[in-house]
Amino acid sequence: MLTIYDSHHIPTNRNRKGPQACRTQTGFAMGRGEARRVYQARLDLVNRRLRLAWLAQQWAGHLARRRFAKGKYA
């Protein structure tokens, strides 16, 4: 039995092969669509990380403004 320690062990769309990863009945590979899906998943991951960094920066600024408004660090 596998032990899952954190969320990094849960499979996501970035590490699962789609239905277009294998050859079709005609013998032609459909890898271009698979590569496009992986590229989009990586791009989405970068965008999520950038948004998280932006939200953390906005939250830190909010907390600093609230401290200043209350006069704690004036």
C-alpha atoms as a PDB file:
ATOM      1  CA  MET A   1       0.000   0.000   0.000  1.00  0.00           C
ATOM      2  CA  LEU A   2       1.283   3.446  -0.898  1.00  0.00           C
ATOM      3  CA  THR A   3       1.613   6.110   1.751  1.00  0.00           C
ATOM      4  CA  ILE A   4       0.781   9.639   0.662  1.00  0.00           C
ATOM      5  CA  TYR A   5       2.671  12.119   2.816  1.00  0.00           C
ATOM      6  CA  ASP A   6       1.538  15.379   1.219  1.00  0.00           C
ATOM      7  CA  SER A   7      -0.250  16.766  -1.820  1.00  0.00           C
ATOM      8  CA  HIS A   8       2.833  16.377  -4.039  1.00  0.00           C
ATOM      9  CA  HIS A   9       2.205  12.637  -4.224  1.00  0.00           C
ATOM     10  CA  ILE A  10      -1.253  13.071  -5.732  1.00  0.00           C
ATOM     11  CA  PRO A  11      -1.209  12.790  -9.534  1.00  0.00           C
ATOM     12  CA  THR A  12      -2.247  15.873 -11.474  1.00  0.00           C
ATOM     13  CA  ASN A  13      -2.801  16.653 -15.129  1.00  0.00           C
ATOM     14  CA  ARG A  14       0.889  17.536 -15.541  1.00  0.00           C
ATOM     15  CA  ASN A  15       2.042  13.961 -15.004  1.00  0.00           C
ATOM     16  CA  ARG A  16      -0.718  11.929 -16.587  1.00  0.00           C
ATOM     17  CA  LYS A  17      -0.819  10.910 -20.219  1.00  0.00           C
ATOM     18  CA  GLY A  18      -3.856  11.929 -22.179  1.00  0.00           C
ATOM     19  CA  PRO A  19      -5.727   9.755 -24.662  1.00  0.00           C
ATOM     20  CA  GLN A  20      -3.766  11.302 -27.549  1.00  0.00           C
ATOM     21  CA  ALA A  21      -0.364  10.151 -26.252  1.00  0.00           C
ATOM     22  CA  CYS A  22      -0.516   6.765 -27.985  1.00  0.00           C
ATOM     23  CA  ARG A  23      -0.688   5.929 -31.668  1.00  0.00           C
ATOM     24  CA  THR A  24      -4.030   5.748 -33.384  1.00  0.00           C
ATOM     25  CA  GLN A  25      -5.284   2.773 -35.392  1.00  0.00           C
ATOM     26  CA  THR A  26      -3.777   4.333 -38.511  1.00  0.00           C
ATOM     27  CA  GLY A  27      -0.308   4.292 -36.918  1.00  0.00           C
ATOM     28  CA  PHE A  28       0.144   8.062 -36.757  1.00  0.00           C
ATOM     29  CA  ALA A  29       1.211   9.535 -33.428  1.00  0.00           C
ATOM     30  CA  MET A  30      -0.965  12.253 -31.905  1.00  0.00           C
ATOM     31  CA  GLY A  31       1.900  13.674 -29.839  1.00  0.00           C
ATOM     32  CA  ARG A  32       1.402  17.263 -30.922  1.00  0.00           C
ATOM     33  CA  GLY A  33      -1.878  17.519 -29.028  1.00  0.00           C
ATOM     34  CA  GLU A  34      -0.298  15.875 -26.011  1.00  0.00           C
ATOM     35  CA  ALA A  35       2.649  18.300 -26.106  1.00  0.00           C
ATOM     36  CA  ARG A  36       0.208  21.206 -26.325  1.00  0.00           C
ATOM     37  CA  ARG A  37      -1.675  19.946 -23.258  1.00  0.00           C
ATOM     38  CA  VAL A  38       1.540  19.556 -21.241  1.00  0.00           C
ATOM     39  CA  TYR A  39       2.707  23.020 -22.329  1.00  0.00           C
ATOM     40  CA  GLN A  40      -0.610  24.535 -21.255  1.00  0.00           C
ATOM     41  CA  ALA A  41      -0.438  22.733 -17.888  1.00  0.00           C
ATOM     42  CA  ARG A  42       3.052  24.145 -17.277  1.00  0.00           C
ATOM     43  CA  LEU A  43       1.919  27.617 -18.308  1.00  0.00           C
ATOM     44  CA  ASP A  44      -1.036  27.365 -15.917  1.00  0.00           C
ATOM     45  CA  LEU A  45       1.330  26.335 -13.109  1.00  0.00           C
ATOM     46  CA  VAL A  46       3.567  29.371 -13.728  1.00  0.00           C
ATOM     47  CA  ASN A  47       0.532  31.646 -13.756  1.00  0.00           C
ATOM     48  CA  ARG A  48      -0.741  30.183 -10.479  1.00  0.00           C
ATOM     49  CA  ARG A  49       2.639  30.692  -8.820  1.00  0.00           C
ATOM     50  CA  LEU A  50       2.867  34.284 -10.072  1.00  0.00           C
ATOM     51  CA  ARG A  51      -0.645  34.987  -8.801  1.00  0.00           C
ATOM     52  CA  LEU A  52       0.188  33.468  -5.414  1.00  0.00           C
ATOM     53  CA  ALA A  53       3.299  35.662  -5.136  1.00  0.00           C
ATOM     54  CA  TRP A  54       1.259  38.729  -6.102  1.00  0.00           C
ATOM     55  CA  LEU A  55      -1.439  37.906  -3.534  1.00  0.00           C
ATOM     56  CA  ALA A  56       1.185  37.424  -0.806  1.00  0.00           C
ATOM     57  CA  GLN A  57       2.711  40.803  -1.668  1.00  0.00           C
ATOM     58  CA  GLN A  58      -0.699  42.499  -1.609  1.00  0.00           C
ATOM     59  CA  TRP A  59      -1.525  40.905   1.752  1.00  0.00           C
ATOM     60  CA  ALA A  60       1.788  42.007   3.269  1.00  0.00           C
ATOM     61  CA  GLY A  61       1.143  45.549   2.046  1.00  0.00           C
ATOM     62  CA  HIS A  62      -2.355  45.472   3.530  1.00  0.00           C
ATOM     63  CA  LEU A  63      -1.035  44.361   6.907  1.00  0.00           C
ATOM     64  CA  ALA A  64       1.635  47.084   6.845  1.00  0.00           C
ATOM     65  CA  ARG A  65      -0.967  49.756   6.039  1.00  0.00           C
ATOM     66  CA  ARG A  66      -3.233  48.533   8.843  1.00  0.00           C
ATOM     67  CA  ARG A  67      -0.363  48.637  11.354  1.00  0.00           C
ATOM     68  CA  PHE A  68       0.536  52.137  10.267  1.00  0.00           C
ATOM     69  CA  ALA A  69      -3.098  53.285  10.462  1.00  0.00           C
ATOM     70  CA  LYS A  70      -3.401  52.027  14.031  1.00  0.00           C
ATOM     71  CA  GLY A  71      -0.237  53.877  14.999  1.00  0.00           C
ATOM     72  CA  LYS A  72       1.719  50.869  16.178  1.00  0.00           C
ATOM     73  CA  TYR A  73       4.760  51.689  14.068  1.00  0.00           C
ATOM     74  CA  ALA A  74       4.348  55.451  13.722  1.00  0.00           C
END
